[in-house]
Amino acid sequence: MAMTTVQLRPETKKKLDNLKIHPRETYDELIDRLADAAYDDEELSDEEIAGMKESEEDIKAGRVRSLRDIMKDLGDDKAIRSLVG
């Protein structure tokens, strides 16, 4: 099997280490698993496409709310502050 060397920042390596299923999982296995999870070869259903079109119409019409406002309404705006600043 041909091998390739990849350079990673220490922070990236730490993230990858935290994503391993078990300590002996190789980086090749991990990256392959993550790549498979990122790829979805299923076609969208008519219902999913209709839902996306409806969402686009809502956005164009201004029928949107920020995540911050929604979290405030739910009484949990502190949780989102760290994400959106």
N, C-alpha and C. Protein backbone atom coordinates (compact mmCIF):
# COMPACT_ATOMS: atom_id res chain seq x y z
N MET A 1 0.85 -1.17 0.00
CA MET A 1 0.00 0.00 0.00
C MET A 1 0.90 1.24 0.00
N ALA A 2 0.61 2.17 -0.89
CA ALA A 2 1.36 3.43 -0.95
C ALA A 2 1.00 4.29 0.25
N MET A 3 1.99 5.00 0.75
CA MET A 3 1.77 5.86 1.92
C MET A 3 2.03 7.30 1.53
N THR A 4 1.31 8.20 2.18
CA THR A 4 1.47 9.63 1.97
C THR A 4 1.63 10.30 3.32
N THR A 5 2.51 11.27 3.39
CA THR A 5 2.69 12.02 4.62
C THR A 5 1.84 13.28 4.55
N VAL A 6 1.17 13.59 5.64
CA VAL A 6 0.31 14.77 5.72
C VAL A 6 0.76 15.60 6.91
N GLN A 7 0.91 16.90 6.69
CA GLN A 7 1.30 17.78 7.78
C GLN A 7 0.04 18.35 8.44
N LEU A 8 0.01 18.31 9.76
CA LEU A 8 -1.12 18.83 10.54
C LEU A 8 -0.61 19.76 11.61
N ARG A 9 -1.40 20.77 11.90
CA ARG A 9 -1.11 21.60 13.07
C ARG A 9 -1.43 20.77 14.30
N PRO A 10 -0.76 21.04 15.42
CA PRO A 10 -1.04 20.29 16.65
C PRO A 10 -2.52 20.34 17.05
N GLU A 11 -3.17 21.49 16.82
CA GLU A 11 -4.59 21.61 17.17
C GLU A 11 -5.45 20.67 16.33
N THR A 12 -5.10 20.53 15.05
CA THR A 12 -5.85 19.65 14.17
C THR A 12 -5.65 18.19 14.59
N LYS A 13 -4.42 17.83 14.92
CA LYS A 13 -4.14 16.46 15.36
C LYS A 13 -4.92 16.16 16.63
N LYS A 14 -5.00 17.11 17.54
CA LYS A 14 -5.75 16.90 18.78
C LYS A 14 -7.24 16.68 18.48
N LYS A 15 -7.78 17.46 17.53
CA LYS A 15 -9.19 17.27 17.14
C LYS A 15 -9.40 15.87 16.57
N LEU A 16 -8.48 15.44 15.71
CA LEU A 16 -8.59 14.11 15.14
C LEU A 16 -8.48 13.04 16.22
N ASP A 17 -7.56 13.22 17.15
CA ASP A 17 -7.43 12.26 18.25
C ASP A 17 -8.73 12.14 19.03
N ASN A 18 -9.41 13.27 19.24
CA ASN A 18 -10.67 13.26 19.99
C ASN A 18 -11.82 12.62 19.22
N LEU A 19 -11.66 12.48 17.91
CA LEU A 19 -12.71 11.88 17.08
C LEU A 19 -12.54 10.37 16.90
N LYS A 20 -11.44 9.84 17.37
CA LYS A 20 -11.21 8.40 17.22
C LYS A 20 -12.23 7.60 18.02
N ILE A 21 -12.68 6.50 17.43
CA ILE A 21 -13.62 5.61 18.10
C ILE A 21 -12.91 4.84 19.20
N HIS A 22 -11.68 4.47 18.94
CA HIS A 22 -10.86 3.77 19.94
C HIS A 22 -9.41 4.21 19.73
N PRO A 23 -8.57 4.13 20.75
CA PRO A 23 -7.19 4.63 20.66
C PRO A 23 -6.36 4.01 19.54
N ARG A 24 -6.68 2.79 19.16
CA ARG A 24 -5.88 2.11 18.13
C ARG A 24 -6.39 2.37 16.72
N GLU A 25 -7.46 3.15 16.57
CA GLU A 25 -7.94 3.49 15.23
C GLU A 25 -6.86 4.32 14.54
N THR A 26 -6.51 3.94 13.33
CA THR A 26 -5.48 4.68 12.61
C THR A 26 -6.06 5.98 12.06
N TYR A 27 -5.16 6.91 11.74
CA TYR A 27 -5.63 8.15 11.13
C TYR A 27 -6.26 7.88 9.77
N ASP A 28 -5.73 6.90 9.04
CA ASP A 28 -6.33 6.53 7.77
C ASP A 28 -7.77 6.05 7.95
N GLU A 29 -7.99 5.19 8.94
CA GLU A 29 -9.35 4.70 9.21
C GLU A 29 -10.26 5.85 9.64
N LEU A 30 -9.74 6.72 10.48
CA LEU A 30 -10.53 7.85 10.97
C LEU A 30 -10.92 8.78 9.83
N ILE A 31 -9.95 9.17 9.01
CA ILE A 31 -10.23 10.09 7.91
C ILE A 31 -11.18 9.46 6.90
N ASP A 32 -11.00 8.17 6.63
CA ASP A 32 -11.89 7.46 5.72
C ASP A 32 -13.32 7.46 6.26
N ARG A 33 -13.46 7.20 7.56
CA ARG A 33 -14.79 7.19 8.21
C ARG A 33 -15.43 8.58 8.13
N LEU A 34 -14.66 9.63 8.41
CA LEU A 34 -15.19 10.99 8.36
C LEU A 34 -15.59 11.38 6.93
N ALA A 35 -14.77 10.98 5.96
CA ALA A 35 -15.08 11.29 4.56
C ALA A 35 -16.36 10.58 4.13
N ASP A 36 -16.53 9.32 4.53
CA ASP A 36 -17.76 8.60 4.21
C ASP A 36 -18.98 9.26 4.83
N ALA A 37 -18.83 9.75 6.05
CA ALA A 37 -19.95 10.39 6.75
C ALA A 37 -20.32 11.72 6.09
N ALA A 38 -19.35 12.39 5.47
CA ALA A 38 -19.61 13.69 4.85
C ALA A 38 -20.29 13.57 3.50
N TYR A 39 -20.25 12.39 2.91
CA TYR A 39 -20.80 12.20 1.57
C TYR A 39 -22.15 11.51 1.65
N ASP A 40 -23.14 12.11 1.04
CA ASP A 40 -24.49 11.54 1.03
C ASP A 40 -24.90 11.34 -0.42
N ASP A 41 -25.01 10.08 -0.84
CA ASP A 41 -25.34 9.81 -2.24
C ASP A 41 -26.83 9.57 -2.47
N GLU A 42 -27.64 9.77 -1.43
CA GLU A 42 -29.09 9.61 -1.60
C GLU A 42 -29.67 10.85 -2.25
N GLU A 43 -30.55 10.64 -3.20
CA GLU A 43 -31.23 11.77 -3.83
C GLU A 43 -32.26 12.34 -2.87
N LEU A 44 -32.52 13.64 -3.01
CA LEU A 44 -33.53 14.28 -2.17
C LEU A 44 -34.91 13.86 -2.63
N SER A 45 -35.81 13.69 -1.67
CA SER A 45 -37.19 13.34 -2.01
C SER A 45 -37.92 14.60 -2.47
N ASP A 46 -39.07 14.41 -3.12
CA ASP A 46 -39.89 15.54 -3.54
C ASP A 46 -40.29 16.39 -2.34
N GLU A 47 -40.57 15.74 -1.22
CA GLU A 47 -40.96 16.44 0.00
C GLU A 47 -39.80 17.30 0.52
N GLU A 48 -38.59 16.77 0.48
CA GLU A 48 -37.42 17.54 0.93
C GLU A 48 -37.16 18.75 0.03
N ILE A 49 -37.30 18.55 -1.27
CA ILE A 49 -37.11 19.65 -2.22
C ILE A 49 -38.16 20.72 -2.00
N ALA A 50 -39.42 20.31 -1.80
CA ALA A 50 -40.49 21.28 -1.55
C ALA A 50 -40.23 22.05 -0.26
N GLY A 51 -39.74 21.38 0.76
CA GLY A 51 -39.42 22.04 2.02
C GLY A 51 -38.31 23.08 1.86
N MET A 52 -37.32 22.76 1.04
CA MET A 52 -36.24 23.72 0.79
C MET A 52 -36.75 24.94 0.03
N LYS A 53 -37.62 24.70 -0.96
CA LYS A 53 -38.18 25.83 -1.72
C LYS A 53 -39.01 26.72 -0.80
N GLU A 54 -39.78 26.11 0.09
CA GLU A 54 -40.58 26.88 1.04
C GLU A 54 -39.67 27.70 1.96
N SER A 55 -38.58 27.10 2.40
CA SER A 55 -37.62 27.82 3.25
C SER A 55 -37.00 28.99 2.52
N GLU A 56 -36.65 28.80 1.26
CA GLU A 56 -36.08 29.89 0.46
C GLU A 56 -37.07 31.04 0.34
N GLU A 57 -38.35 30.70 0.14
CA GLU A 57 -39.38 31.74 0.04
C GLU A 57 -39.51 32.49 1.36
N ASP A 58 -39.44 31.78 2.47
CA ASP A 58 -39.49 32.42 3.79
C ASP A 58 -38.33 33.39 3.96
N ILE A 59 -37.15 32.97 3.55
CA ILE A 59 -35.96 33.83 3.68
C ILE A 59 -36.12 35.08 2.81
N LYS A 60 -36.52 34.89 1.57
CA LYS A 60 -36.69 36.02 0.66
C LYS A 60 -37.75 37.00 1.18
N ALA A 61 -38.79 36.48 1.85
CA ALA A 61 -39.87 37.32 2.37
C ALA A 61 -39.53 37.91 3.74
N GLY A 62 -38.37 37.55 4.27
CA GLY A 62 -37.97 38.10 5.56
C GLY A 62 -38.59 37.40 6.75
N ARG A 63 -39.14 36.23 6.54
CA ARG A 63 -39.75 35.48 7.64
C ARG A 63 -38.69 34.60 8.31
N VAL A 64 -37.75 35.28 8.95
CA VAL A 64 -36.65 34.58 9.62
C VAL A 64 -36.43 35.20 11.00
N ARG A 65 -35.80 34.43 11.88
CA ARG A 65 -35.43 34.91 13.21
C ARG A 65 -34.03 34.44 13.49
N SER A 66 -33.29 35.26 14.21
CA SER A 66 -31.92 34.87 14.54
C SER A 66 -31.94 33.78 15.61
N LEU A 67 -30.88 33.00 15.62
CA LEU A 67 -30.74 31.97 16.64
C LEU A 67 -30.70 32.61 18.02
N ARG A 68 -30.05 33.76 18.13
CA ARG A 68 -29.97 34.47 19.40
C ARG A 68 -31.38 34.79 19.92
N ASP A 69 -32.26 35.31 19.05
CA ASP A 69 -33.63 35.63 19.48
C ASP A 69 -34.41 34.39 19.91
N ILE A 70 -34.22 33.33 19.18
CA ILE A 70 -34.92 32.08 19.52
C ILE A 70 -34.44 31.57 20.88
N MET A 71 -33.13 31.60 21.09
CA MET A 71 -32.58 31.14 22.37
C MET A 71 -33.06 32.03 23.52
N LYS A 72 -33.18 33.34 23.28
CA LYS A 72 -33.71 34.24 24.32
C LYS A 72 -35.14 33.82 24.68
N ASP A 73 -35.94 33.56 23.66
CA ASP A 73 -37.33 33.15 23.89
C ASP A 73 -37.40 31.86 24.70
N LEU A 74 -36.42 30.99 24.49
CA LEU A 74 -36.38 29.72 25.21
C LEU A 74 -35.73 29.87 26.58
N GLY A 75 -35.22 31.06 26.87
CA GLY A 75 -34.60 31.31 28.16
C GLY A 75 -33.19 30.75 28.27
N ASP A 76 -32.54 30.52 27.14
CA ASP A 76 -31.21 29.93 27.16
C ASP A 76 -30.25 30.71 26.28
N ASP A 77 -30.33 32.03 26.30
CA ASP A 77 -29.47 32.84 25.45
C ASP A 77 -28.02 32.82 25.91
N LYS A 78 -27.74 32.43 27.13
CA LYS A 78 -26.36 32.36 27.60
C LYS A 78 -25.59 31.28 26.85
N ALA A 79 -26.25 30.20 26.51
CA ALA A 79 -25.58 29.10 25.82
C ALA A 79 -25.10 29.51 24.44
N ILE A 80 -25.84 30.37 23.80
CA ILE A 80 -25.48 30.76 22.43
C ILE A 80 -24.46 31.89 22.40
N ARG A 81 -24.33 32.65 23.47
CA ARG A 81 -23.39 33.78 23.49
C ARG A 81 -21.98 33.36 23.15
N SER A 82 -21.56 32.22 23.65
CA SER A 82 -20.20 31.77 23.38
C SER A 82 -20.00 31.40 21.91
N LEU A 83 -21.08 31.11 21.20
CA LEU A 83 -20.95 30.71 19.80
C LEU A 83 -21.00 31.89 18.85
N VAL A 84 -21.81 32.91 19.18
CA VAL A 84 -22.01 34.01 18.24
C VAL A 84 -21.42 35.32 18.73
N GLY A 85 -20.93 35.36 19.93
CA GLY A 85 -20.25 36.54 20.46
C GLY A 85 -21.12 37.68 20.75
